[in-house]
Amino acid sequence: PLYQVRYYDTEEEGWHLLPFLDEGQARAEYRALRDDEREAQFDTLLGYAPTERMRAAMLHSTPPLAFVQDFALFLFAEAQEPRLDGVWWADEHCPELLSAPHGAIFRHQLPSWRKTLAEG
């Protein structure tokens, strides 16, 4: 199982999600939020967690639970279609739901890209 702590941020007037692999860490975060008198919820749920191989391939030292499905698609596409430059998710731009279009370039394609420093 995976663990999730949701809390309400009064400054941003919105809910935030904190995913955890470790129940003890999740409960400690939940207690800390409650001790600070913040509105918080603790949930146990089923979901996807990264393997050590995925974390190494994506250069992450901590479990990026929020991106496991994106990472899986990225690694699959890179292996199946290496001639592509990368992948793009045309998600709807909806900041209140933490959703926005995003993409990633395959590392082996980086040398083919021209890099410039933008002003401003």
PDB file of N, CA and C in Angstrom:
ATOM      1  N   PRO A   1       0.824  -1.207   0.000  1.00  0.00           N
ATOM      2  CA  PRO A   1       0.000   0.000   0.000  1.00  0.00           C
ATOM      3  C   PRO A   1       0.863   1.263   0.000  1.00  0.00           C
ATOM      4  N   LEU A   2       0.249   2.353  -0.411  1.00  0.00           N
ATOM      5  CA  LEU A   2       0.866   3.672  -0.363  1.00  0.00           C
ATOM      6  C   LEU A   2       0.106   4.498   0.661  1.00  0.00           C
ATOM      7  N   TYR A   3       0.717   5.575   1.100  1.00  0.00           N
ATOM      8  CA  TYR A   3       0.101   6.412   2.126  1.00  0.00           C
ATOM      9  C   TYR A   3       0.107   7.852   1.634  1.00  0.00           C
ATOM     10  N   GLN A   4      -0.946   8.553   1.970  1.00  0.00           N
ATOM     11  CA  GLN A   4      -1.097   9.919   1.498  1.00  0.00           C
ATOM     12  C   GLN A   4      -1.598  10.793   2.635  1.00  0.00           C
ATOM     13  N   VAL A   5      -0.965  11.935   2.781  1.00  0.00           N
ATOM     14  CA  VAL A   5      -1.423  12.934   3.737  1.00  0.00           C
ATOM     15  C   VAL A   5      -1.885  14.132   2.922  1.00  0.00           C
ATOM     16  N   ARG A   6      -3.112  14.534   3.171  1.00  0.00           N
ATOM     17  CA  ARG A   6      -3.668  15.725   2.521  1.00  0.00           C
ATOM     18  C   ARG A   6      -3.811  16.792   3.595  1.00  0.00           C
ATOM     19  N   TYR A   7      -3.451  18.015   3.255  1.00  0.00           N
ATOM     20  CA  TYR A   7      -3.652  19.098   4.216  1.00  0.00           C
ATOM     21  C   TYR A   7      -4.101  20.354   3.483  1.00  0.00           C
ATOM     22  N   TYR A   8      -4.829  21.173   4.220  1.00  0.00           N
ATOM     23  CA  TYR A   8      -5.354  22.406   3.647  1.00  0.00           C
ATOM     24  C   TYR A   8      -4.398  23.543   3.963  1.00  0.00           C
ATOM     25  N   ASP A   9      -3.991  24.277   2.934  1.00  0.00           N
ATOM     26  CA  ASP A   9      -3.105  25.426   3.085  1.00  0.00           C
ATOM     27  C   ASP A   9      -3.966  26.685   3.067  1.00  0.00           C
ATOM     28  N   THR A  10      -4.061  27.340   4.203  1.00  0.00           N
ATOM     29  CA  THR A  10      -4.933  28.518   4.305  1.00  0.00           C
ATOM     30  C   THR A  10      -4.395  29.698   3.499  1.00  0.00           C
ATOM     31  N   GLU A  11      -3.074  29.793   3.330  1.00  0.00           N
ATOM     32  CA  GLU A  11      -2.512  30.891   2.543  1.00  0.00           C
ATOM     33  C   GLU A  11      -2.835  30.730   1.060  1.00  0.00           C
ATOM     34  N   GLU A  12      -2.722  29.510   0.556  1.00  0.00           N
ATOM     35  CA  GLU A  12      -3.014  29.250  -0.855  1.00  0.00           C
ATOM     36  C   GLU A  12      -4.471  28.883  -1.080  1.00  0.00           C
ATOM     37  N   GLU A  13      -5.197  28.699   0.007  1.00  0.00           N
ATOM     38  CA  GLU A  13      -6.611  28.322  -0.044  1.00  0.00           C
ATOM     39  C   GLU A  13      -6.825  27.094  -0.922  1.00  0.00           C
ATOM     40  N   GLY A  14      -6.037  26.058  -0.645  1.00  0.00           N
ATOM     41  CA  GLY A  14      -6.167  24.824  -1.408  1.00  0.00           C
ATOM     42  C   GLY A  14      -5.541  23.648  -0.682  1.00  0.00           C
ATOM     43  N   TRP A  15      -5.882  22.457  -1.167  1.00  0.00           N
ATOM     44  CA  TRP A  15      -5.373  21.218  -0.588  1.00  0.00           C
ATOM     45  C   TRP A  15      -4.056  20.825  -1.237  1.00  0.00           C
ATOM     46  N   HIS A  16      -3.161  20.252  -0.439  1.00  0.00           N
ATOM     47  CA  HIS A  16      -1.891  19.716  -0.921  1.00  0.00           C
ATOM     48  C   HIS A  16      -1.830  18.233  -0.586  1.00  0.00           C
ATOM     49  N   LEU A  17      -1.196  17.462  -1.460  1.00  0.00           N
ATOM     50  CA  LEU A  17      -1.042  16.017  -1.264  1.00  0.00           C
ATOM     51  C   LEU A  17       0.421  15.688  -1.033  1.00  0.00           C
ATOM     52  N   LEU A  18       0.678  14.862  -0.021  1.00  0.00           N
ATOM     53  CA  LEU A  18       2.024  14.381   0.259  1.00  0.00           C
ATOM     54  C   LEU A  18       2.006  12.861   0.198  1.00  0.00           C
ATOM     55  N   PRO A  19       2.571  12.251  -0.842  1.00  0.00           N
ATOM     56  CA  PRO A  19       2.578  10.787  -0.946  1.00  0.00           C
ATOM     57  C   PRO A  19       3.776  10.186  -0.207  1.00  0.00           C
ATOM     58  N   PHE A  20       3.587   8.997   0.358  1.00  0.00           N
ATOM     59  CA  PHE A  20       4.640   8.301   1.101  1.00  0.00           C
ATOM     60  C   PHE A  20       4.606   6.815   0.798  1.00  0.00           C
ATOM     61  N   LEU A  21       5.783   6.197   0.806  1.00  0.00           N
ATOM     62  CA  LEU A  21       5.887   4.740   0.758  1.00  0.00           C
ATOM     63  C   LEU A  21       5.868   4.161   2.169  1.00  0.00           C
ATOM     64  N   ASP A  22       6.377   4.927   3.126  1.00  0.00           N
ATOM     65  CA  ASP A  22       6.522   4.459   4.499  1.00  0.00           C
ATOM     66  C   ASP A  22       5.374   4.976   5.376  1.00  0.00           C
ATOM     67  N   GLU A  23       4.650   4.052   6.002  1.00  0.00           N
ATOM     68  CA  GLU A  23       3.509   4.439   6.835  1.00  0.00           C
ATOM     69  C   GLU A  23       3.946   5.292   8.020  1.00  0.00           C
ATOM     70  N   GLY A  24       5.070   4.948   8.638  1.00  0.00           N
ATOM     71  CA  GLY A  24       5.556   5.709   9.785  1.00  0.00           C
ATOM     72  C   GLY A  24       5.847   7.157   9.435  1.00  0.00           C
ATOM     73  N   GLN A  25       6.478   7.379   8.293  1.00  0.00           N
ATOM     74  CA  GLN A  25       6.761   8.746   7.850  1.00  0.00           C
ATOM     75  C   GLN A  25       5.468   9.504   7.580  1.00  0.00           C
ATOM     76  N   ALA A  26       4.519   8.831   6.955  1.00  0.00           N
ATOM     77  CA  ALA A  26       3.237   9.472   6.649  1.00  0.00           C
ATOM     78  C   ALA A  26       2.509   9.849   7.932  1.00  0.00           C
ATOM     79  N   ARG A  27       2.475   8.936   8.892  1.00  0.00           N
ATOM     80  CA  ARG A  27       1.789   9.232  10.159  1.00  0.00           C
ATOM     81  C   ARG A  27       2.493  10.350  10.927  1.00  0.00           C
ATOM     82  N   ALA A  28       3.819  10.385  10.889  1.00  0.00           N
ATOM     83  CA  ALA A  28       4.557  11.455  11.562  1.00  0.00           C
ATOM     84  C   ALA A  28       4.232  12.810  10.936  1.00  0.00           C
ATOM     85  N   GLU A  29       4.165  12.861   9.610  1.00  0.00           N
ATOM     86  CA  GLU A  29       3.810  14.111   8.923  1.00  0.00           C
ATOM     87  C   GLU A  29       2.387  14.528   9.270  1.00  0.00           C
ATOM     88  N   TYR A  30       1.483  13.560   9.293  1.00  0.00           N
ATOM     89  CA  TYR A  30       0.087  13.828   9.641  1.00  0.00           C
ATOM     90  C   TYR A  30      -0.005  14.401  11.061  1.00  0.00           C
ATOM     91  N   ARG A  31       0.695  13.762  12.015  1.00  0.00           N
ATOM     92  CA  ARG A  31       0.666  14.246  13.408  1.00  0.00           C
ATOM     93  C   ARG A  31       1.245  15.653  13.512  1.00  0.00           C
ATOM     94  N   ALA A  32       2.334  15.919  12.784  1.00  0.00           N
ATOM     95  CA  ALA A  32       2.947  17.246  12.822  1.00  0.00           C
ATOM     96  C   ALA A  32       1.980  18.311  12.306  1.00  0.00           C
ATOM     97  N   LEU A  33       1.267  17.994  11.239  1.00  0.00           N
ATOM     98  CA  LEU A  33       0.281  18.943  10.712  1.00  0.00           C
ATOM     99  C   LEU A  33      -0.845  19.170  11.709  1.00  0.00           C
ATOM    100  N   ARG A  34      -1.317  18.103  12.330  1.00  0.00           N
ATOM    101  CA  ARG A  34      -2.394  18.223  13.323  1.00  0.00           C
ATOM    102  C   ARG A  34      -1.904  18.993  14.556  1.00  0.00           C
ATOM    103  N   ASP A  35      -0.652  18.757  14.960  1.00  0.00           N
ATOM    104  CA  ASP A  35      -0.080  19.496  16.094  1.00  0.00           C
ATOM    105  C   ASP A  35      -0.007  20.984  15.797  1.00  0.00           C
ATOM    106  N   ASP A  36       0.167  21.325  14.512  1.00  0.00           N
ATOM    107  CA  ASP A  36       0.170  22.732  14.090  1.00  0.00           C
ATOM    108  C   ASP A  36      -1.245  23.255  13.872  1.00  0.00           C
ATOM    109  N   GLU A  37      -2.233  22.443  14.264  1.00  0.00           N
ATOM    110  CA  GLU A  37      -3.654  22.791  14.155  1.00  0.00           C
ATOM    111  C   GLU A  37      -4.076  23.059  12.712  1.00  0.00           C
ATOM    112  N   ARG A  38      -3.528  22.265  11.800  1.00  0.00           N
ATOM    113  CA  ARG A  38      -3.924  22.366  10.401  1.00  0.00           C
ATOM    114  C   ARG A  38      -4.902  21.249  10.085  1.00  0.00           C
ATOM    115  N   GLU A  39      -5.790  21.520   9.152  1.00  0.00           N
ATOM    116  CA  GLU A  39      -6.740  20.511   8.702  1.00  0.00           C
ATOM    117  C   GLU A  39      -5.983  19.502   7.847  1.00  0.00           C
ATOM    118  N   ALA A  40      -6.004  18.227   8.264  1.00  0.00           N
ATOM    119  CA  ALA A  40      -5.239  17.200   7.556  1.00  0.00           C
ATOM    120  C   ALA A  40      -6.001  15.884   7.549  1.00  0.00           C
ATOM    121  N   GLN A  41      -5.699  15.065   6.542  1.00  0.00           N
ATOM    122  CA  GLN A  41      -6.306  13.737   6.410  1.00  0.00           C
ATOM    123  C   GLN A  41      -5.206  12.735   6.102  1.00  0.00           C
ATOM    124  N   PHE A  42      -5.350  11.535   6.648  1.00  0.00           N
ATOM    125  CA  PHE A  42      -4.415  10.437   6.398  1.00  0.00           C
ATOM    126  C   PHE A  42      -5.161   9.356   5.639  1.00  0.00           C
ATOM    127  N   ASP A  43      -4.600   8.879   4.521  1.00  0.00           N
ATOM    128  CA  ASP A  43      -5.253   7.843   3.723  1.00  0.00           C
ATOM    129  C   ASP A  43      -4.264   6.736   3.371  1.00  0.00           C
ATOM    130  N   THR A  44      -4.760   5.516   3.349  1.00  0.00           N
ATOM    131  CA  THR A  44      -4.026   4.372   2.815  1.00  0.00           C
ATOM    132  C   THR A  44      -4.671   4.045   1.477  1.00  0.00           C
ATOM    133  N   LEU A  45      -3.852   3.870   0.446  1.00  0.00           N
ATOM    134  CA  LEU A  45      -4.422   3.622  -0.873  1.00  0.00           C
ATOM    135  C   LEU A  45      -3.546   2.694  -1.689  1.00  0.00           C
ATOM    136  N   LEU A  46      -4.116   2.189  -2.748  1.00  0.00           N
ATOM    137  CA  LEU A  46      -3.368   1.372  -3.694  1.00  0.00           C
ATOM    138  C   LEU A  46      -2.858   2.275  -4.804  1.00  0.00           C
ATOM    139  N   GLY A  47      -1.686   1.989  -5.308  1.00  0.00           N
ATOM    140  CA  GLY A  47      -1.137   2.819  -6.362  1.00  0.00           C
ATOM    141  C   GLY A  47       0.156   2.233  -6.877  1.00  0.00           C
ATOM    142  N   TYR A  48       0.946   3.068  -7.529  1.00  0.00           N
ATOM    143  CA  TYR A  48       2.190   2.641  -8.144  1.00  0.00           C
ATOM    144  C   TYR A  48       3.366   3.236  -7.385  1.00  0.00           C
ATOM    145  N   ALA A  49       4.386   2.433  -7.189  1.00  0.00           N
ATOM    146  CA  ALA A  49       5.614   2.891  -6.550  1.00  0.00           C
ATOM    147  C   ALA A  49       6.782   2.559  -7.475  1.00  0.00           C
ATOM    148  N   PRO A  50       7.809   3.401  -7.492  1.00  0.00           N
ATOM    149  CA  PRO A  50       8.935   3.148  -8.388  1.00  0.00           C
ATOM    150  C   PRO A  50       9.812   2.004  -7.887  1.00  0.00           C
ATOM    151  N   THR A  51      10.360   1.254  -8.822  1.00  0.00           N
ATOM    152  CA  THR A  51      11.358   0.246  -8.480  1.00  0.00           C
ATOM    153  C   THR A  51      12.710   0.949  -8.344  1.00  0.00           C
ATOM    154  N   GLU A  52      13.668   0.268  -7.751  1.00  0.00           N
ATOM    155  CA  GLU A  52      15.021   0.828  -7.660  1.00  0.00           C
ATOM    156  C   GLU A  52      15.578   1.094  -9.060  1.00  0.00           C
ATOM    157  N   ARG A  53      15.284   0.198  -9.989  1.00  0.00           N
ATOM    158  CA  ARG A  53      15.760   0.366 -11.372  1.00  0.00           C
ATOM    159  C   ARG A  53      15.182   1.635 -12.000  1.00  0.00           C
ATOM    160  N   MET A  54      13.903   1.902 -11.751  1.00  0.00           N
ATOM    161  CA  MET A  54      13.282   3.114 -12.293  1.00  0.00           C
ATOM    162  C   MET A  54      13.914   4.352 -11.670  1.00  0.00           C
ATOM    163  N   ARG A  55      14.112   4.333 -10.354  1.00  0.00           N
ATOM    164  CA  ARG A  55      14.710   5.500  -9.694  1.00  0.00           C
ATOM    165  C   ARG A  55      16.110   5.764 -10.228  1.00  0.00           C
ATOM    166  N   ALA A  56      16.889   4.706 -10.447  1.00  0.00           N
ATOM    167  CA  ALA A  56      18.240   4.881 -10.990  1.00  0.00           C
ATOM    168  C   ALA A  56      18.179   5.428 -12.416  1.00  0.00           C
ATOM    169  N   ALA A  57      17.287   4.892 -13.232  1.00  0.00           N
ATOM    170  CA  ALA A  57      17.163   5.340 -14.623  1.00  0.00           C
ATOM    171  C   ALA A  57      16.720   6.794 -14.708  1.00  0.00           C
ATOM    172  N   MET A  58      15.876   7.216 -13.773  1.00  0.00           N
ATOM    173  CA  MET A  58      15.357   8.582 -13.805  1.00  0.00           C
ATOM    174  C   MET A  58      16.169   9.531 -12.921  1.00  0.00           C
ATOM    175  N   LEU A  59      17.274   9.019 -12.343  1.00  0.00           N
ATOM    176  CA  LEU A  59      18.181   9.826 -11.518  1.00  0.00           C
ATOM    177  C   LEU A  59      17.485  10.442 -10.309  1.00  0.00           C
ATOM    178  N   HIS A  60      16.675   9.653  -9.622  1.00  0.00           N
ATOM    179  CA  HIS A  60      15.999  10.105  -8.411  1.00  0.00           C
ATOM    180  C   HIS A  60      16.496   9.299  -7.222  1.00  0.00           C
ATOM    181  N   SER A  61      16.822   9.985  -6.139  1.00  0.00           N
ATOM    182  CA  SER A  61      17.282   9.276  -4.944  1.00  0.00           C
ATOM    183  C   SER A  61      16.138   8.998  -3.976  1.00  0.00           C
ATOM    184  N   THR A  62      15.042   9.708  -4.119  1.00  0.00           N
ATOM    185  CA  THR A  62      13.869   9.471  -3.273  1.00  0.00           C
ATOM    186  C   THR A  62      12.723   8.984  -4.146  1.00  0.00           C
ATOM    187  N   PRO A  63      11.763   8.299  -3.574  1.00  0.00           N
ATOM    188  CA  PRO A  63      10.663   7.759  -4.383  1.00  0.00           C
ATOM    189  C   PRO A  63       9.754   8.856  -4.936  1.00  0.00           C
ATOM    190  N   PRO A  64       9.799   9.130  -6.228  1.00  0.00           N
ATOM    191  CA  PRO A  64       8.943  10.163  -6.812  1.00  0.00           C
ATOM    192  C   PRO A  64       7.548   9.617  -7.093  1.00  0.00           C
ATOM    193  N   LEU A  65       6.770   9.401  -6.051  1.00  0.00           N
ATOM    194  CA  LEU A  65       5.471   8.755  -6.214  1.00  0.00           C
ATOM    195  C   LEU A  65       4.548   9.507  -7.153  1.00  0.00           C
ATOM    196  N   ALA A  66       4.670  10.813  -7.187  1.00  0.00           N
ATOM    197  CA  ALA A  66       3.762  11.600  -8.013  1.00  0.00           C
ATOM    198  C   ALA A  66       4.010  11.402  -9.508  1.00  0.00           C
ATOM    199  N   PHE A  67       5.172  10.877  -9.878  1.00  0.00           N
ATOM    200  CA  PHE A  67       5.523  10.793 -11.294  1.00  0.00           C
ATOM    201  C   PHE A  67       5.740   9.372 -11.796  1.00  0.00           C
ATOM    202  N   VAL A  68       5.372   8.367 -11.036  1.00  0.00           N
ATOM    203  CA  VAL A  68       5.672   6.985 -11.412  1.00  0.00           C
ATOM    204  C   VAL A  68       5.080   6.625 -12.772  1.00  0.00           C
ATOM    205  N   GLN A  69       3.839   6.965 -13.017  1.00  0.00           N
ATOM    206  CA  GLN A  69       3.229   6.621 -14.304  1.00  0.00           C
ATOM    207  C   GLN A  69       3.893   7.385 -15.449  1.00  0.00           C
ATOM    208  N   ASP A  70       4.222   8.653 -15.234  1.00  0.00           N
ATOM    209  CA  ASP A  70       4.929   9.423 -16.257  1.00  0.00           C
ATOM    210  C   ASP A  70       6.300   8.811 -16.534  1.00  0.00           C
ATOM    211  N   PHE A  71       7.025   8.441 -15.477  1.00  0.00           N
ATOM    212  CA  PHE A  71       8.347   7.846 -15.652  1.00  0.00           C
ATOM    213  C   PHE A  71       8.251   6.525 -16.407  1.00  0.00           C
ATOM    214  N   ALA A  72       7.244   5.718 -16.094  1.00  0.00           N
ATOM    215  CA  ALA A  72       7.079   4.431 -16.776  1.00  0.00           C
ATOM    216  C   ALA A  72       6.850   4.648 -18.274  1.00  0.00           C
ATOM    217  N   LEU A  73       5.998   5.601 -18.622  1.00  0.00           N
ATOM    218  CA  LEU A  73       5.755   5.895 -20.034  1.00  0.00           C
ATOM    219  C   LEU A  73       7.015   6.429 -20.703  1.00  0.00           C
ATOM    220  N   PHE A  74       7.723   7.314 -20.017  1.00  0.00           N
ATOM    221  CA  PHE A  74       8.956   7.885 -20.552  1.00  0.00           C
ATOM    222  C   PHE A  74       9.969   6.785 -20.868  1.00  0.00           C
ATOM    223  N   LEU A  75      10.202   5.885 -19.914  1.00  0.00           N
ATOM    224  CA  LEU A  75      11.177   4.808 -20.115  1.00  0.00           C
ATOM    225  C   LEU A  75      10.739   3.847 -21.215  1.00  0.00           C
ATOM    226  N   PHE A  76       9.441   3.555 -21.282  1.00  0.00           N
ATOM    227  CA  PHE A  76       8.921   2.689 -22.338  1.00  0.00           C
ATOM    228  C   PHE A  76       9.118   3.335 -23.709  1.00  0.00           C
ATOM    229  N   ALA A  77       8.735   4.606 -23.831  1.00  0.00           N
ATOM    230  CA  ALA A  77       8.856   5.300 -25.119  1.00  0.00           C
ATOM    231  C   ALA A  77      10.318   5.416 -25.542  1.00  0.00           C
ATOM    232  N   GLU A  78      11.197   5.692 -24.593  1.00  0.00           N
ATOM    233  CA  GLU A  78      12.620   5.808 -24.913  1.00  0.00           C
ATOM    234  C   GLU A  78      13.170   4.480 -25.444  1.00  0.00           C
ATOM    235  N   ALA A  79      12.739   3.371 -24.864  1.00  0.00           N
ATOM    236  CA  ALA A  79      13.203   2.050 -25.307  1.00  0.00           C
ATOM    237  C   ALA A  79      12.583   1.642 -26.645  1.00  0.00           C
ATOM    238  N   GLN A  80      11.315   1.983 -26.856  1.00  0.00           N
ATOM    239  CA  GLN A  80      10.605   1.553 -28.061  1.00  0.00           C
ATOM    240  C   GLN A  80      10.822   2.469 -29.259  1.00  0.00           C
ATOM    241  N   GLU A  81      11.003   3.757 -29.010  1.00  0.00           N
ATOM    242  CA  GLU A  81      11.118   4.745 -30.095  1.00  0.00           C
ATOM    243  C   GLU A  81      12.326   5.656 -29.868  1.00  0.00           C
ATOM    244  N   PRO A  82      13.543   5.113 -29.890  1.00  0.00           N
ATOM    245  CA  PRO A  82      14.723   5.923 -29.571  1.00  0.00           C
ATOM    246  C   PRO A  82      14.991   7.050 -30.566  1.00  0.00           C
ATOM    247  N   ARG A  83      14.365   7.011 -31.744  1.00  0.00           N
ATOM    248  CA  ARG A  83      14.579   8.084 -32.714  1.00  0.00           C
ATOM    249  C   ARG A  83      13.817   9.357 -32.332  1.00  0.00           C
ATOM    250  N   LEU A  84      12.841   9.250 -31.426  1.00  0.00           N
ATOM    251  CA  LEU A  84      12.123  10.435 -30.957  1.00  0.00           C
ATOM    252  C   LEU A  84      13.022  11.271 -30.054  1.00  0.00           C
ATOM    253  N   ASP A  85      12.704  12.557 -29.948  1.00  0.00           N
ATOM    254  CA  ASP A  85      13.461  13.435 -29.052  1.00  0.00           C
ATOM    255  C   ASP A  85      13.003  13.303 -27.606  1.00  0.00           C
ATOM    256  N   GLY A  86      11.752  12.941 -27.408  1.00  0.00           N
ATOM    257  CA  GLY A  86      11.223  12.845 -26.048  1.00  0.00           C
ATOM    258  C   GLY A  86       9.727  12.616 -26.081  1.00  0.00           C
ATOM    259  N   VAL A  87       9.087  12.946 -24.986  1.00  0.00           N
ATOM    260  CA  VAL A  87       7.634  12.775 -24.880  1.00  0.00           C
ATOM    261  C   VAL A  87       7.005  14.067 -24.357  1.00  0.00           C
ATOM    262  N   TRP A  88       5.729  14.246 -24.687  1.00  0.00           N
ATOM    263  CA  TRP A  88       4.981  15.434 -24.273  1.00  0.00           C
ATOM    264  C   TRP A  88       3.607  15.005 -23.788  1.00  0.00           C
ATOM    265  N   TRP A  89       3.204  15.534 -22.648  1.00  0.00           N
ATOM    266  CA  TRP A  89       1.871  15.291 -22.115  1.00  0.00           C
ATOM    267  C   TRP A  89       1.071  16.574 -22.308  1.00  0.00           C
ATOM    268  N   ALA A  90       0.021  16.511 -23.086  1.00  0.00           N
ATOM    269  CA  ALA A  90      -0.793  17.689 -23.384  1.00  0.00           C
ATOM    270  C   ALA A  90      -1.908  17.830 -22.348  1.00  0.00           C
ATOM    271  N   ASP A  91      -1.524  17.771 -21.080  1.00  0.00           N
ATOM    272  CA  ASP A  91      -2.512  17.915 -20.010  1.00  0.00           C
ATOM    273  C   ASP A  91      -3.116  19.315 -20.031  1.00  0.00           C
ATOM    274  N   GLU A  92      -4.296  19.422 -19.481  1.00  0.00           N
ATOM    275  CA  GLU A  92      -4.963  20.715 -19.380  1.00  0.00           C
ATOM    276  C   GLU A  92      -4.248  21.576 -18.348  1.00  0.00           C
ATOM    277  N   HIS A  93      -4.071  22.864 -18.656  1.00  0.00           N
ATOM    278  CA  HIS A  93      -3.467  23.775 -17.685  1.00  0.00           C
ATOM    279  C   HIS A  93      -4.523  24.138 -16.649  1.00  0.00           C
ATOM    280  N   CYS A  94      -4.381  23.572 -15.474  1.00  0.00           N
ATOM    281  CA  CYS A  94      -5.357  23.762 -14.402  1.00  0.00           C
ATOM    282  C   CYS A  94      -4.590  23.813 -13.071  1.00  0.00           C
ATOM    283  N   PRO A  95      -4.031  24.993 -12.722  1.00  0.00           N
ATOM    284  CA  PRO A  95      -3.185  25.100 -11.531  1.00  0.00           C
ATOM    285  C   PRO A  95      -3.843  24.615 -10.241  1.00  0.00           C
ATOM    286  N   GLU A  96      -5.130  24.832 -10.105  1.00  0.00           N
ATOM    287  CA  GLU A  96      -5.787  24.409  -8.863  1.00  0.00           C
ATOM    288  C   GLU A  96      -5.801  22.889  -8.698  1.00  0.00           C
ATOM    289  N   LEU A  97      -5.638  22.160  -9.803  1.00  0.00           N
ATOM    290  CA  LEU A  97      -5.550  20.697  -9.748  1.00  0.00           C
ATOM    291  C   LEU A  97      -4.115  20.213  -9.960  1.00  0.00           C
ATOM    292  N   LEU A  98      -3.164  21.163  -9.925  1.00  0.00           N
ATOM    293  CA  LEU A  98      -1.744  20.866 -10.145  1.00  0.00           C
ATOM    294  C   LEU A  98      -1.525  20.147 -11.473  1.00  0.00           C
ATOM    295  N   SER A  99      -2.199  20.622 -12.517  1.00  0.00           N
ATOM    296  CA  SER A  99      -2.112  20.012 -13.839  1.00  0.00           C
ATOM    297  C   SER A  99      -1.632  21.049 -14.852  1.00  0.00           C
ATOM    298  N   ALA A 100      -0.694  20.627 -15.702  1.00  0.00           N
ATOM    299  CA  ALA A 100      -0.195  21.512 -16.753  1.00  0.00           C
ATOM    300  C   ALA A 100       0.467  20.664 -17.832  1.00  0.00           C
ATOM    301  N   PRO A 101       0.501  21.173 -19.076  1.00  0.00           N
ATOM    302  CA  PRO A 101       1.251  20.464 -20.109  1.00  0.00           C
ATOM    303  C   PRO A 101       2.722  20.358 -19.680  1.00  0.00           C
ATOM    304  N   HIS A 102       3.349  19.231 -19.975  1.00  0.00           N
ATOM    305  CA  HIS A 102       4.755  19.055 -19.612  1.00  0.00           C
ATOM    306  C   HIS A 102       5.393  18.008 -20.513  1.00  0.00           C
ATOM    307  N   GLY A 103       6.705  18.005 -20.540  1.00  0.00           N
ATOM    308  CA  GLY A 103       7.408  17.045 -21.374  1.00  0.00           C
ATOM    309  C   GLY A 103       8.792  16.752 -20.846  1.00  0.00           C
ATOM    310  N   ALA A 104       9.478  15.850 -21.532  1.00  0.00           N
ATOM    311  CA  ALA A 104      10.841  15.484 -21.163  1.00  0.00           C
ATOM    312  C   ALA A 104      11.585  15.056 -22.422  1.00  0.00           C
ATOM    313  N   ILE A 105      12.862  15.411 -22.473  1.00  0.00           N
ATOM    314  CA  ILE A 105      13.719  15.040 -23.602  1.00  0.00           C
ATOM    315  C   ILE A 105      14.535  13.818 -23.192  1.00  0.00           C
ATOM    316  N   PHE A 106      14.641  12.854 -24.090  1.00  0.00           N
ATOM    317  CA  PHE A 106      15.473  11.684 -23.821  1.00  0.00           C
ATOM    318  C   PHE A 106      16.937  12.132 -23.698  1.00  0.00           C
ATOM    319  N   ARG A 107      17.643  11.613 -22.706  1.00  0.00           N
ATOM    320  CA  ARG A 107      19.031  12.025 -22.468  1.00  0.00           C
ATOM    321  C   ARG A 107      19.914  11.812 -23.700  1.00  0.00           C
ATOM    322  N   HIS A 108      19.712  10.712 -24.415  1.00  0.00           N
ATOM    323  CA  HIS A 108      20.580  10.452 -25.573  1.00  0.00           C
ATOM    324  C   HIS A 108      20.330  11.443 -26.718  1.00  0.00           C
ATOM    325  N   GLN A 109      19.237  12.201 -26.660  1.00  0.00           N
ATOM    326  CA  GLN A 109      18.940  13.191 -27.701  1.00  0.00           C
ATOM    327  C   GLN A 109      19.415  14.599 -27.325  1.00  0.00           C
ATOM    328  N   LEU A 110      19.821  14.811 -26.091  1.00  0.00           N
ATOM    329  CA  LEU A 110      20.230  16.157 -25.661  1.00  0.00           C
ATOM    330  C   LEU A 110      21.322  16.778 -26.537  1.00  0.00           C
ATOM    331  N   PRO A 111      22.338  16.019 -26.974  1.00  0.00           N
ATOM    332  CA  PRO A 111      23.366  16.644 -27.823  1.00  0.00           C
ATOM    333  C   PRO A 111      22.822  17.202 -29.139  1.00  0.00           C
ATOM    334  N   SER A 112      21.686  16.716 -29.599  1.00  0.00           N
ATOM    335  CA  SER A 112      21.133  17.201 -30.866  1.00  0.00           C
ATOM    336  C   SER A 112      20.352  18.504 -30.698  1.00  0.00           C
ATOM    337  N   TRP A 113      20.154  18.934 -29.480  1.00  0.00           N
ATOM    338  CA  TRP A 113      19.420  20.168 -29.209  1.00  0.00           C
ATOM    339  C   TRP A 113      20.400  21.329 -29.065  1.00  0.00           C
ATOM    340  N   ARG A 114      19.999  22.488 -29.594  1.00  0.00           N
ATOM    341  CA  ARG A 114      20.799  23.699 -29.451  1.00  0.00           C
ATOM    342  C   ARG A 114      20.378  24.389 -28.158  1.00  0.00           C
ATOM    343  N   LYS A 115      21.346  24.782 -27.381  1.00  0.00           N
ATOM    344  CA  LYS A 115      21.067  25.421 -26.093  1.00  0.00           C
ATOM    345  C   LYS A 115      21.427  26.897 -26.170  1.00  0.00           C
ATOM    346  N   THR A 116      20.527  27.770 -25.722  1.00  0.00           N
ATOM    347  CA  THR A 116      20.800  29.200 -25.660  1.00  0.00           C
ATOM    348  C   THR A 116      20.298  29.735 -24.333  1.00  0.00           C
ATOM    349  N   LEU A 117      20.940  30.774 -23.856  1.00  0.00           N
ATOM    350  CA  LEU A 117      20.535  31.419 -22.616  1.00  0.00           C
ATOM    351  C   LEU A 117      19.530  32.510 -22.951  1.00  0.00           C
ATOM    352  N   ALA A 118      18.345  32.415 -22.396  1.00  0.00           N
ATOM    353  CA  ALA A 118      17.296  33.400 -22.668  1.00  0.00           C
ATOM    354  C   ALA A 118      17.483  34.615 -21.767  1.00  0.00           C
ATOM    355  N   GLU A 119      17.207  35.774 -22.308  1.00  0.00           N
ATOM    356  CA  GLU A 119      17.268  37.015 -21.534  1.00  0.00           C
ATOM    357  C   GLU A 119      16.020  37.145 -20.674  1.00  0.00           C
ATOM    358  N   GLY A 120      16.175  37.803 -19.537  1.00  0.00           N
ATOM    359  CA  GLY A 120      14.996  38.116 -18.748  1.00  0.00           C
ATOM    360  C   GLY A 120      14.817  37.285 -17.575  1.00  0.00           C
TER     361      GLY A 120
END
